[in-house]
Amino acid sequence: MQNPFKERFRKLNPLELVKTFNKDLGHGGWVGSRGEFLVALREEFGNRNICIDHITHSSACLLYTSP
């Protein structure tokens, strides 16, 4: 089964991708679709070489800086 979020994330620009991540912060619920969402989001950050190493649970923020 294909992850339904992959195509959606591929179409977003980098700032929209970061906003999608930030909008999800604080959602404590967990279902299978959220897992697919997070896997696809992380994969798309990797595809674009957007470093997400500095995301922490305490600050829970991802900042986008254009090159």
C-alpha atoms as a PDB file:
ATOM      1  CA  MET A   1       0.000   0.000   0.000  1.00  0.00           C
ATOM      2  CA  GLN A   2       1.364   3.398  -0.974  1.00  0.00           C
ATOM      3  CA  ASN A   3       1.745   6.137   1.616  1.00  0.00           C
ATOM      4  CA  PRO A   4      -0.946   8.723   0.752  1.00  0.00           C
ATOM      5  CA  PHE A   5       1.109  11.623   2.108  1.00  0.00           C
ATOM      6  CA  LYS A   6       4.166  11.214  -0.158  1.00  0.00           C
ATOM      7  CA  GLU A   7       2.681  12.863  -3.247  1.00  0.00           C
ATOM      8  CA  ARG A   8       1.156  15.670  -1.204  1.00  0.00           C
ATOM      9  CA  PHE A   9       4.478  16.496   0.455  1.00  0.00           C
ATOM     10  CA  ARG A  10       6.357  16.283  -2.854  1.00  0.00           C
ATOM     11  CA  LYS A  11       4.201  19.154  -4.162  1.00  0.00           C
ATOM     12  CA  LEU A  12       4.924  21.499  -1.236  1.00  0.00           C
ATOM     13  CA  ASN A  13       7.678  24.090  -1.269  1.00  0.00           C
ATOM     14  CA  PRO A  14      10.214  23.901   1.609  1.00  0.00           C
ATOM     15  CA  LEU A  15       8.457  26.500   3.749  1.00  0.00           C
ATOM     16  CA  GLU A  16       5.099  24.751   3.323  1.00  0.00           C
ATOM     17  CA  LEU A  17       6.755  21.493   4.324  1.00  0.00           C
ATOM     18  CA  VAL A  18       8.115  23.064   7.509  1.00  0.00           C
ATOM     19  CA  LYS A  19       4.728  24.624   8.269  1.00  0.00           C
ATOM     20  CA  THR A  20       3.147  21.191   7.867  1.00  0.00           C
ATOM     21  CA  PHE A  21       5.609  19.822  10.412  1.00  0.00           C
ATOM     22  CA  ASN A  22       5.034  22.686  12.832  1.00  0.00           C
ATOM     23  CA  LYS A  23       1.259  22.371  12.560  1.00  0.00           C
ATOM     24  CA  ASP A  24       1.509  18.733  13.682  1.00  0.00           C
ATOM     25  CA  LEU A  25       3.458  19.574  16.848  1.00  0.00           C
ATOM     26  CA  GLY A  26       1.629  18.948  20.061  1.00  0.00           C
ATOM     27  CA  HIS A  27      -0.701  16.321  18.618  1.00  0.00           C
ATOM     28  CA  GLY A  28      -0.395  13.546  21.149  1.00  0.00           C
ATOM     29  CA  GLY A  29      -2.731  11.080  19.487  1.00  0.00           C
ATOM     30  CA  TRP A  30      -1.348   8.172  17.566  1.00  0.00           C
ATOM     31  CA  VAL A  31      -2.954   6.162  14.785  1.00  0.00           C
ATOM     32  CA  GLY A  32      -1.543   4.357  11.779  1.00  0.00           C
ATOM     33  CA  SER A  33      -2.214   7.261   9.449  1.00  0.00           C
ATOM     34  CA  ARG A  34      -0.216   9.610  11.678  1.00  0.00           C
ATOM     35  CA  GLY A  35       2.684   7.201  11.473  1.00  0.00           C
ATOM     36  CA  GLU A  36       2.465   7.267   7.669  1.00  0.00           C
ATOM     37  CA  PHE A  37       2.278  11.080   7.820  1.00  0.00           C
ATOM     38  CA  LEU A  38       5.451  11.339   9.917  1.00  0.00           C
ATOM     39  CA  VAL A  39       7.371   8.775   7.839  1.00  0.00           C
ATOM     40  CA  ALA A  40       6.512  10.599   4.598  1.00  0.00           C
ATOM     41  CA  LEU A  41       7.341  13.986   6.118  1.00  0.00           C
ATOM     42  CA  ARG A  42      10.733  12.833   7.387  1.00  0.00           C
ATOM     43  CA  GLU A  43      11.466  11.191   4.040  1.00  0.00           C
ATOM     44  CA  GLU A  44      10.626  14.365   2.115  1.00  0.00           C
ATOM     45  CA  PHE A  45      12.881  16.454   4.368  1.00  0.00           C
ATOM     46  CA  GLY A  46      15.654  13.970   3.567  1.00  0.00           C
ATOM     47  CA  ASN A  47      14.926  14.079  -0.173  1.00  0.00           C
ATOM     48  CA  ARG A  48      15.434  17.842  -0.083  1.00  0.00           C
ATOM     49  CA  ASN A  49      18.487  17.763   2.182  1.00  0.00           C
ATOM     50  CA  ILE A  50      16.663  19.779   4.848  1.00  0.00           C
ATOM     51  CA  CYS A  51      18.459  18.964   8.080  1.00  0.00           C
ATOM     52  CA  ILE A  52      16.094  18.056  10.902  1.00  0.00           C
ATOM     53  CA  ASP A  53      18.794  17.028  13.395  1.00  0.00           C
ATOM     54  CA  HIS A  54      18.143  20.004  15.663  1.00  0.00           C
ATOM     55  CA  ILE A  55      14.500  19.240  16.290  1.00  0.00           C
ATOM     56  CA  THR A  56      14.082  18.521  19.957  1.00  0.00           C
ATOM     57  CA  HIS A  57      11.159  17.580  22.126  1.00  0.00           C
ATOM     58  CA  SER A  58      11.718  20.635  24.317  1.00  0.00           C
ATOM     59  CA  SER A  59      11.657  23.368  21.684  1.00  0.00           C
ATOM     60  CA  ALA A  60       9.655  21.371  19.121  1.00  0.00           C
ATOM     61  CA  CYS A  61      10.294  23.856  16.359  1.00  0.00           C
ATOM     62  CA  LEU A  62      11.806  23.574  12.923  1.00  0.00           C
ATOM     63  CA  LEU A  63      13.069  26.739  11.339  1.00  0.00           C
ATOM     64  CA  TYR A  64      13.572  27.143   7.615  1.00  0.00           C
ATOM     65  CA  THR A  65      16.377  29.352   6.391  1.00  0.00           C
ATOM     66  CA  SER A  66      16.717  29.814   2.673  1.00  0.00           C
ATOM     67  CA  PRO A  67      20.210  29.169   1.293  1.00  0.00           C
END
